[in-house]
Amino acid sequence: MSLKTEVTDAKPVSMLSKESMSELQSLLNKHGHDLEVDGILGGLTMEAFKEFKIKHYQAHYDLIGPGSVALLLDVPKTTDAISMQMERLKRYSDNPDLNTKTYYYSQRDNYRMPDRTCNSSSNAMYLDWLMRATGEPGLSGDDDYLRKVLSYGDTIYHGVQTKTIKAYGYSTKWMTDRDLPFVKDLLKTGFPVVCNILHRGSVSSPRGGHVIMLIAYDGSTLTAHDPYGTVTSNYTNTNGAYSKISESEFKARWQGGYRILA
């Protein structure tokens, strides 16, 4: 069993199989260490893993999760841009945790306009992650966030979302440069990314307008928290938590926008 196959959720490093421990040691060696690849968790392996997590802004040094594995396998290449995002996150906490789990909010149960509040629900998921990654309690759900959005303007406008997130203390901006390599590197680093897609119609002729939050990328598939359901089921599946979309389909549907720290 490979490390990626074994680690589907956060678990103690000490619980890894010998095979996965050997792979972990080999990967740490590729990141500048000189460990004996023996499949045994010793003090040197534990210290090397802790050093790796600190370098990539991940807490809980005794735990290994999918985010840690993704970084071990493929550290983002756009280091300057990613480093800037990390430094911006550190404005809000001396020790931000990029391994913070994302929570899913459905727009379908929103107290108002459940059919047109994808932007608010997606940005509420993103804000909730930002808060908890920087040591804050997080949101209790997306309705209070939506109320604040509607006090500033219409939910569909990205500028209104920026203003609302700012009211919670976080500076962000909406980008439209279609920089997919940067988005993928953000995901591999541990940042969730709110983005817009054409969610209706075929891949060859997409239409509509929708906002989702991407949470992972594994080299060919993106994972999202889609507040309305799953695009691949044409939304007959209304649970959009951890929904999958191939990179090729995402490219066809993506409208080019995404949110980052400013």
Protein backbone atom coordinates (compact mmCIF):
# COMPACT_ATOMS: atom_id res chain seq x y z
CA MET A 1 0.00 0.00 0.00
CA SER A 2 1.38 3.42 -0.96
CA LEU A 3 1.50 6.38 1.38
CA LYS A 4 -1.12 8.20 -0.70
CA THR A 5 -3.46 5.19 -0.60
CA GLU A 6 -3.03 4.63 3.12
CA VAL A 7 -3.43 8.25 4.25
CA THR A 8 -7.01 9.19 3.37
CA ASP A 9 -7.49 11.24 6.54
CA ALA A 10 -5.22 12.62 9.24
CA LYS A 11 -3.61 9.90 11.37
CA PRO A 12 -0.63 9.60 13.75
CA VAL A 13 2.66 9.11 11.92
CA SER A 14 3.31 6.23 14.32
CA MET A 15 0.32 4.36 12.82
CA LEU A 16 1.81 4.14 9.31
CA SER A 17 2.58 0.72 7.92
CA LYS A 18 6.25 -0.18 7.48
CA GLU A 19 5.88 0.17 3.70
CA SER A 20 4.41 3.67 3.98
CA MET A 21 6.98 4.66 6.59
CA SER A 22 9.74 3.68 4.16
CA GLU A 23 8.10 5.79 1.45
CA LEU A 24 7.83 8.72 3.89
CA GLN A 25 11.54 8.44 4.68
CA SER A 26 12.42 8.33 0.98
CA LEU A 27 10.30 11.41 0.30
CA LEU A 28 11.83 13.31 3.21
CA ASN A 29 15.26 12.47 1.81
CA LYS A 30 14.21 14.09 -1.48
CA HIS A 31 13.49 17.20 0.57
CA GLY A 32 17.02 17.45 1.91
CA HIS A 33 17.29 14.87 4.68
CA ASP A 34 19.55 11.85 4.96
CA LEU A 35 17.44 9.22 6.69
CA GLU A 36 17.94 5.48 6.68
CA VAL A 37 15.02 4.01 4.74
CA ASP A 38 14.15 1.19 7.11
CA GLY A 39 10.41 1.65 7.67
CA ILE A 40 10.97 2.38 11.36
CA LEU A 41 9.82 5.61 13.00
CA GLY A 42 12.82 6.84 14.95
CA GLY A 43 13.70 10.20 16.40
CA LEU A 44 15.48 11.38 13.24
CA THR A 45 12.50 10.55 11.03
CA MET A 46 10.11 12.29 13.42
CA GLU A 47 12.33 15.38 13.58
CA ALA A 48 12.65 15.49 9.78
CA PHE A 49 8.88 15.24 9.37
CA LYS A 50 8.32 18.00 11.95
CA GLU A 51 10.82 20.22 10.13
CA PHE A 52 9.01 19.58 6.83
CA LYS A 53 5.62 20.51 8.35
CA ILE A 54 6.97 23.68 9.95
CA LYS A 55 8.50 24.75 6.63
CA HIS A 56 5.13 24.33 4.91
CA TYR A 57 3.04 25.95 7.64
CA GLN A 58 1.38 22.80 8.89
CA ALA A 59 0.71 22.17 12.58
CA HIS A 60 0.13 18.89 14.49
CA TYR A 61 3.61 17.53 13.92
CA ASP A 62 2.69 14.00 15.04
CA LEU A 63 -0.06 13.69 12.41
CA ILE A 64 0.12 13.00 8.69
CA GLY A 65 -2.81 13.79 6.40
CA PRO A 66 -3.59 14.01 2.67
CA GLY A 67 -2.31 17.59 2.56
CA SER A 68 1.06 16.60 3.97
CA VAL A 69 1.31 13.69 1.53
CA ALA A 70 0.45 15.92 -1.44
CA LEU A 71 3.21 18.33 -0.45
CA LEU A 72 5.72 15.53 0.03
CA LEU A 73 4.91 14.17 -3.42
CA ASP A 74 4.79 17.47 -5.28
CA VAL A 75 5.92 20.71 -3.67
CA PRO A 76 4.48 23.69 -5.61
CA LYS A 77 6.81 25.17 -8.19
CA THR A 78 5.55 28.78 -8.11
CA THR A 79 7.42 29.38 -4.87
CA ASP A 80 7.41 33.20 -4.95
CA ALA A 81 3.65 33.50 -5.44
CA ILE A 82 2.91 30.75 -2.92
CA SER A 83 5.34 32.24 -0.40
CA MET A 84 3.54 35.56 -0.73
CA GLN A 85 0.22 33.89 0.08
CA MET A 86 1.81 32.20 3.10
CA GLU A 87 3.24 35.49 4.33
CA ARG A 88 -0.13 37.17 3.89
CA LEU A 89 -1.75 34.39 5.92
CA LYS A 90 0.84 34.98 8.65
CA ARG A 91 -0.49 38.52 9.09
CA TYR A 92 -3.36 36.94 10.97
CA SER A 93 -1.44 34.35 12.99
CA ASP A 94 2.21 33.69 13.82
CA ASN A 95 1.55 29.98 13.33
CA PRO A 96 -1.15 29.43 10.68
CA ASP A 97 -2.10 25.84 9.95
CA LEU A 98 -2.45 25.03 6.26
CA ASN A 99 -3.51 21.51 7.18
CA THR A 100 -6.79 22.85 8.60
CA LYS A 101 -9.76 20.82 7.38
CA THR A 102 -12.39 22.52 5.22
CA TYR A 103 -16.07 22.35 6.17
CA TYR A 104 -18.93 22.07 3.70
CA TYR A 105 -21.90 24.45 3.51
CA SER A 106 -24.85 23.78 1.22
CA GLN A 107 -26.61 26.76 -0.32
CA ARG A 108 -29.79 24.72 -0.57
CA ASP A 109 -30.67 25.33 3.09
CA ASN A 110 -29.87 29.06 3.10
CA TYR A 111 -32.46 31.23 4.79
CA ARG A 112 -32.87 33.33 1.64
CA MET A 113 -32.45 32.71 -2.11
CA PRO A 114 -31.13 29.14 -1.85
CA ASP A 115 -31.00 28.89 -5.66
CA ARG A 116 -28.72 31.92 -6.18
CA THR A 117 -26.42 32.13 -3.14
CA CYS A 118 -23.59 29.86 -4.29
CA ASN A 119 -21.16 32.79 -4.14
CA SER A 120 -21.96 33.48 -0.51
CA SER A 121 -21.90 29.83 0.60
CA SER A 122 -18.58 29.21 -1.16
CA ASN A 123 -16.98 32.32 0.30
CA ALA A 124 -18.38 31.45 3.72
CA MET A 125 -16.59 28.08 3.46
CA TYR A 126 -13.39 29.89 2.51
CA LEU A 127 -13.71 32.45 5.31
CA ASP A 128 -14.46 29.72 7.84
CA TRP A 129 -11.23 27.96 6.80
CA LEU A 130 -9.25 31.20 7.04
CA MET A 131 -10.55 31.84 10.53
CA ARG A 132 -9.78 28.37 11.86
CA ALA A 133 -6.40 28.19 10.06
CA THR A 134 -5.40 31.34 11.93
CA GLY A 135 -6.65 30.26 15.34
CA GLU A 136 -10.16 31.75 15.32
CA PRO A 137 -13.30 29.72 16.17
CA GLY A 138 -14.72 29.87 12.65
CA LEU A 139 -18.28 30.41 11.46
CA SER A 140 -21.32 28.63 12.85
CA GLY A 141 -22.72 28.25 9.33
CA ASP A 142 -23.29 30.35 6.22
CA ASP A 143 -26.57 32.11 7.12
CA ASP A 144 -24.97 34.79 9.33
CA TYR A 145 -22.36 35.39 6.64
CA LEU A 146 -25.13 35.68 4.03
CA ARG A 147 -26.98 38.23 6.18
CA LYS A 148 -23.86 40.38 6.26
CA VAL A 149 -23.40 39.98 2.49
CA LEU A 150 -26.94 41.16 1.82
CA SER A 151 -26.42 44.18 4.07
CA TYR A 152 -23.70 45.29 1.62
CA GLY A 153 -25.30 44.34 -1.69
CA ASP A 154 -26.20 41.45 -3.98
CA THR A 155 -24.70 38.02 -3.31
CA ILE A 156 -23.66 37.57 -6.94
CA TYR A 157 -21.04 40.34 -6.91
CA HIS A 158 -17.46 39.39 -6.07
CA GLY A 159 -16.75 42.87 -4.74
CA VAL A 160 -19.54 42.47 -2.19
CA GLN A 161 -17.96 39.19 -1.08
CA THR A 162 -14.57 40.93 -0.75
CA LYS A 163 -16.15 43.65 1.41
CA THR A 164 -17.91 41.07 3.59
CA ILE A 165 -14.77 39.02 4.18
CA LYS A 166 -12.97 42.26 5.04
CA ALA A 167 -15.60 42.96 7.70
CA TYR A 168 -14.43 39.76 9.40
CA GLY A 169 -10.86 41.07 9.35
CA TYR A 170 -9.35 39.38 6.27
CA SER A 171 -8.13 41.15 3.13
CA THR A 172 -8.76 39.19 -0.08
CA LYS A 173 -9.20 39.93 -3.75
CA TRP A 174 -10.90 38.38 -6.75
CA MET A 175 -8.51 37.55 -9.60
CA THR A 176 -9.52 36.96 -13.24
CA ASP A 177 -6.24 36.06 -14.95
CA ARG A 178 -7.02 32.36 -15.49
CA ASP A 179 -3.74 31.35 -13.79
CA LEU A 180 -4.51 27.64 -13.41
CA PRO A 181 -0.92 26.62 -12.48
CA PHE A 182 -1.07 29.05 -9.54
CA VAL A 183 -4.49 27.75 -8.49
CA LYS A 184 -3.21 24.16 -8.58
CA ASP A 185 -0.16 25.12 -6.53
CA LEU A 186 -2.39 26.86 -3.98
CA LEU A 187 -4.42 23.66 -3.64
CA LYS A 188 -1.31 21.48 -3.32
CA THR A 189 0.00 23.79 -0.62
CA GLY A 190 -3.20 23.53 1.40
CA PHE A 191 -5.17 26.66 0.49
CA PRO A 192 -8.80 26.18 -0.59
CA VAL A 193 -9.71 28.29 -3.64
CA VAL A 194 -13.09 29.83 -4.44
CA CYS A 195 -13.65 29.95 -8.21
CA ASN A 196 -16.39 30.38 -10.81
CA ILE A 197 -17.54 27.83 -13.38
CA LEU A 198 -20.10 27.34 -16.13
CA HIS A 199 -22.07 24.60 -14.44
CA ARG A 200 -24.75 23.77 -16.99
CA GLY A 201 -24.66 22.21 -20.44
CA SER A 202 -22.10 19.86 -21.92
CA VAL A 203 -18.34 20.16 -21.62
CA SER A 204 -18.18 21.14 -25.28
CA SER A 205 -20.84 23.82 -24.83
CA PRO A 206 -20.97 24.87 -21.17
CA ARG A 207 -23.23 27.62 -19.92
CA GLY A 208 -24.60 29.07 -16.70
CA GLY A 209 -22.72 30.66 -13.84
CA HIS A 210 -21.81 29.14 -10.50
CA VAL A 211 -19.29 29.49 -7.67
CA ILE A 212 -17.62 26.58 -5.87
CA MET A 213 -14.67 26.09 -3.55
CA LEU A 214 -11.82 23.86 -4.72
CA ILE A 215 -10.06 22.00 -1.90
CA ALA A 216 -7.56 19.61 -3.52
CA TYR A 217 -5.74 18.64 -6.71
CA ASP A 218 -4.05 15.28 -7.27
CA GLY A 219 -2.50 15.73 -10.71
CA SER A 220 -5.54 14.93 -12.85
CA THR A 221 -8.63 15.55 -10.71
CA LEU A 222 -9.84 18.50 -8.67
CA THR A 223 -11.89 18.05 -5.52
CA ALA A 224 -14.44 20.69 -4.60
CA HIS A 225 -17.02 21.64 -2.05
CA ASP A 226 -19.83 22.58 -4.45
CA PRO A 227 -22.64 24.26 -2.47
CA TYR A 228 -25.35 23.09 -4.89
CA GLY A 229 -24.33 19.47 -5.57
CA THR A 230 -22.13 17.74 -8.14
CA VAL A 231 -21.65 19.19 -11.61
CA THR A 232 -20.86 15.75 -13.04
CA SER A 233 -24.35 14.53 -12.08
CA ASN A 234 -25.97 17.66 -13.53
CA TYR A 235 -26.87 18.36 -9.88
CA THR A 236 -29.13 15.34 -9.46
CA ASN A 237 -26.73 14.58 -6.61
CA THR A 238 -27.34 17.47 -4.22
CA ASN A 239 -24.46 16.71 -1.84
CA GLY A 240 -21.50 18.57 -3.27
CA ALA A 241 -19.03 17.86 -0.45
CA TYR A 242 -15.76 16.42 -1.83
CA SER A 243 -17.15 16.35 -5.36
CA LYS A 244 -14.74 15.38 -8.13
CA ILE A 245 -14.18 17.05 -11.48
CA SER A 246 -11.49 16.13 -13.99
CA GLU A 247 -8.93 18.77 -14.85
CA SER A 248 -10.00 18.70 -18.49
CA GLU A 249 -13.64 19.34 -17.58
CA PHE A 250 -12.69 22.05 -15.12
CA LYS A 251 -10.64 23.82 -17.80
CA ALA A 252 -13.65 23.72 -20.13
CA ARG A 253 -16.01 25.09 -17.48
CA TRP A 254 -13.80 27.53 -15.55
CA GLN A 255 -14.60 31.20 -16.08
CA GLY A 256 -11.12 32.23 -14.95
CA GLY A 257 -11.83 33.82 -11.57
CA TYR A 258 -10.52 32.86 -8.13
CA ARG A 259 -10.05 34.40 -4.66
CA ILE A 260 -6.73 34.86 -2.87
CA LEU A 261 -5.37 36.80 0.10
CA ALA A 262 -4.50 40.42 -0.69
